[in-house]
Amino acid sequence: METVARIQKVLRCIEQRCGKDLSLDELAKNVNVSKSECLRRFKLTMQTTSYKFLMEYRLQQAAFLLRDTDLSVDIIADGVG
């Protein structure tokens, strides 16, 4: 599987599971590479680590929900992890 396709698969996994515990090990298994190879390819392609990307994605999702819904902060925090 090509690097770009693997990273796209990792990004979809982050998007789908953003509110749940998500480890580098799970992301690597999802694209059939080692944890170190997953981290290396992600950082090379995205210019950030998968952990930082996940945290930023969760913050963006929380900001959107706070701005555009009437959900409570507790529910939003729980929902985005």
C-alpha atoms as a PDB file:
ATOM      1  CA  MET A   1       0.000   0.000   0.000  1.00  0.00           C
ATOM      2  CA  GLU A   2       1.350   3.395  -0.966  1.00  0.00           C
ATOM      3  CA  THR A   3       2.272   5.938   1.744  1.00  0.00           C
ATOM      4  CA  VAL A   4      -0.454   8.429   0.786  1.00  0.00           C
ATOM      5  CA  ALA A   5      -3.107   5.708   0.852  1.00  0.00           C
ATOM      6  CA  ARG A   6      -1.864   4.549   4.270  1.00  0.00           C
ATOM      7  CA  ILE A   7      -1.977   8.076   5.665  1.00  0.00           C
ATOM      8  CA  GLN A   8      -5.485   8.576   4.272  1.00  0.00           C
ATOM      9  CA  LYS A   9      -6.530   5.381   6.028  1.00  0.00           C
ATOM     10  CA  VAL A  10      -4.962   6.618   9.290  1.00  0.00           C
ATOM     11  CA  LEU A  11      -6.787   9.951   8.928  1.00  0.00           C
ATOM     12  CA  ARG A  12     -10.108   8.154   8.395  1.00  0.00           C
ATOM     13  CA  CYS A  13      -9.437   6.065  11.496  1.00  0.00           C
ATOM     14  CA  ILE A  14      -8.730   9.221  13.524  1.00  0.00           C
ATOM     15  CA  GLU A  15     -11.904  10.835  12.187  1.00  0.00           C
ATOM     16  CA  GLN A  16     -14.061   7.798  12.963  1.00  0.00           C
ATOM     17  CA  ARG A  17     -12.600   7.078  16.392  1.00  0.00           C
ATOM     18  CA  CYS A  18     -11.674  10.559  17.603  1.00  0.00           C
ATOM     19  CA  GLY A  19     -13.807  10.289  20.737  1.00  0.00           C
ATOM     20  CA  LYS A  20     -12.340   6.976  21.811  1.00  0.00           C
ATOM     21  CA  ASP A  21      -8.937   5.919  23.094  1.00  0.00           C
ATOM     22  CA  LEU A  22      -6.726   5.608  20.071  1.00  0.00           C
ATOM     23  CA  SER A  23      -3.112   4.478  20.227  1.00  0.00           C
ATOM     24  CA  LEU A  24      -0.290   4.587  17.738  1.00  0.00           C
ATOM     25  CA  ASP A  25      -0.296   0.793  17.915  1.00  0.00           C
ATOM     26  CA  GLU A  26      -3.930   0.711  16.713  1.00  0.00           C
ATOM     27  CA  LEU A  27      -3.221   3.168  13.908  1.00  0.00           C
ATOM     28  CA  ALA A  28      -0.193   1.148  12.774  1.00  0.00           C
ATOM     29  CA  LYS A  29      -2.137  -2.116  12.827  1.00  0.00           C
ATOM     30  CA  ASN A  30      -4.863  -0.444  10.772  1.00  0.00           C
ATOM     31  CA  VAL A  31      -2.381   0.116   7.925  1.00  0.00           C
ATOM     32  CA  ASN A  32      -0.213  -2.987   8.493  1.00  0.00           C
ATOM     33  CA  VAL A  33       3.064  -1.286   9.440  1.00  0.00           C
ATOM     34  CA  SER A  34       5.128  -1.044  12.616  1.00  0.00           C
ATOM     35  CA  LYS A  35       4.503   1.761  15.092  1.00  0.00           C
ATOM     36  CA  SER A  36       7.815   3.416  14.216  1.00  0.00           C
ATOM     37  CA  GLU A  37       7.101   3.204  10.482  1.00  0.00           C
ATOM     38  CA  CYS A  38       3.598   4.598  10.982  1.00  0.00           C
ATOM     39  CA  LEU A  39       4.965   7.509  12.999  1.00  0.00           C
ATOM     40  CA  ARG A  40       7.743   8.161  10.479  1.00  0.00           C
ATOM     41  CA  ARG A  41       5.409   8.144   7.479  1.00  0.00           C
ATOM     42  CA  PHE A  42       2.768  10.234   9.229  1.00  0.00           C
ATOM     43  CA  LYS A  43       5.288  12.851  10.289  1.00  0.00           C
ATOM     44  CA  LEU A  44       6.905  12.921   6.840  1.00  0.00           C
ATOM     45  CA  THR A  45       3.537  13.360   5.095  1.00  0.00           C
ATOM     46  CA  MET A  46       1.665  15.553   7.585  1.00  0.00           C
ATOM     47  CA  GLN A  47       4.592  17.484   9.152  1.00  0.00           C
ATOM     48  CA  THR A  48       3.294  16.604  12.626  1.00  0.00           C
ATOM     49  CA  THR A  49       2.924  13.532  14.797  1.00  0.00           C
ATOM     50  CA  SER A  50      -0.218  11.441  14.811  1.00  0.00           C
ATOM     51  CA  TYR A  51      -0.739  12.346  18.486  1.00  0.00           C
ATOM     52  CA  LYS A  52      -0.550  16.104  17.836  1.00  0.00           C
ATOM     53  CA  PHE A  53      -2.842  15.717  14.841  1.00  0.00           C
ATOM     54  CA  LEU A  54      -5.373  13.784  16.935  1.00  0.00           C
ATOM     55  CA  MET A  55      -5.323  16.437  19.684  1.00  0.00           C
ATOM     56  CA  GLU A  56      -5.771  19.257  17.155  1.00  0.00           C
ATOM     57  CA  TYR A  57      -8.583  17.351  15.433  1.00  0.00           C
ATOM     58  CA  ARG A  58     -10.351  16.832  18.763  1.00  0.00           C
ATOM     59  CA  LEU A  59     -10.021  20.543  19.597  1.00  0.00           C
ATOM     60  CA  GLN A  60     -11.439  21.510  16.201  1.00  0.00           C
ATOM     61  CA  GLN A  61     -14.380  19.160  16.678  1.00  0.00           C
ATOM     62  CA  ALA A  62     -15.018  20.516  20.179  1.00  0.00           C
ATOM     63  CA  ALA A  63     -14.864  24.125  18.951  1.00  0.00           C
ATOM     64  CA  PHE A  64     -17.347  23.351  16.189  1.00  0.00           C
ATOM     65  CA  LEU A  65     -19.762  21.644  18.591  1.00  0.00           C
ATOM     66  CA  LEU A  66     -19.481  24.449  21.147  1.00  0.00           C
ATOM     67  CA  ARG A  67     -20.160  27.038  18.485  1.00  0.00           C
ATOM     68  CA  ASP A  68     -22.854  25.280  16.476  1.00  0.00           C
ATOM     69  CA  THR A  69     -24.810  23.155  18.941  1.00  0.00           C
ATOM     70  CA  ASP A  70     -26.514  23.489  22.291  1.00  0.00           C
ATOM     71  CA  LEU A  71     -24.699  20.493  23.738  1.00  0.00           C
ATOM     72  CA  SER A  72     -23.150  20.916  27.174  1.00  0.00           C
ATOM     73  CA  VAL A  73     -19.402  21.161  27.620  1.00  0.00           C
ATOM     74  CA  ASP A  74     -19.417  17.814  29.470  1.00  0.00           C
ATOM     75  CA  ILE A  75     -21.147  16.006  26.608  1.00  0.00           C
ATOM     76  CA  ILE A  76     -18.866  17.599  24.017  1.00  0.00           C
ATOM     77  CA  ALA A  77     -15.716  16.815  26.015  1.00  0.00           C
ATOM     78  CA  ASP A  78     -16.816  13.218  26.444  1.00  0.00           C
ATOM     79  CA  GLY A  79     -17.734  12.924  22.777  1.00  0.00           C
ATOM     80  CA  VAL A  80     -14.453  14.183  21.350  1.00  0.00           C
ATOM     81  CA  GLY A  81     -12.210  12.418  23.838  1.00  0.00           C
END
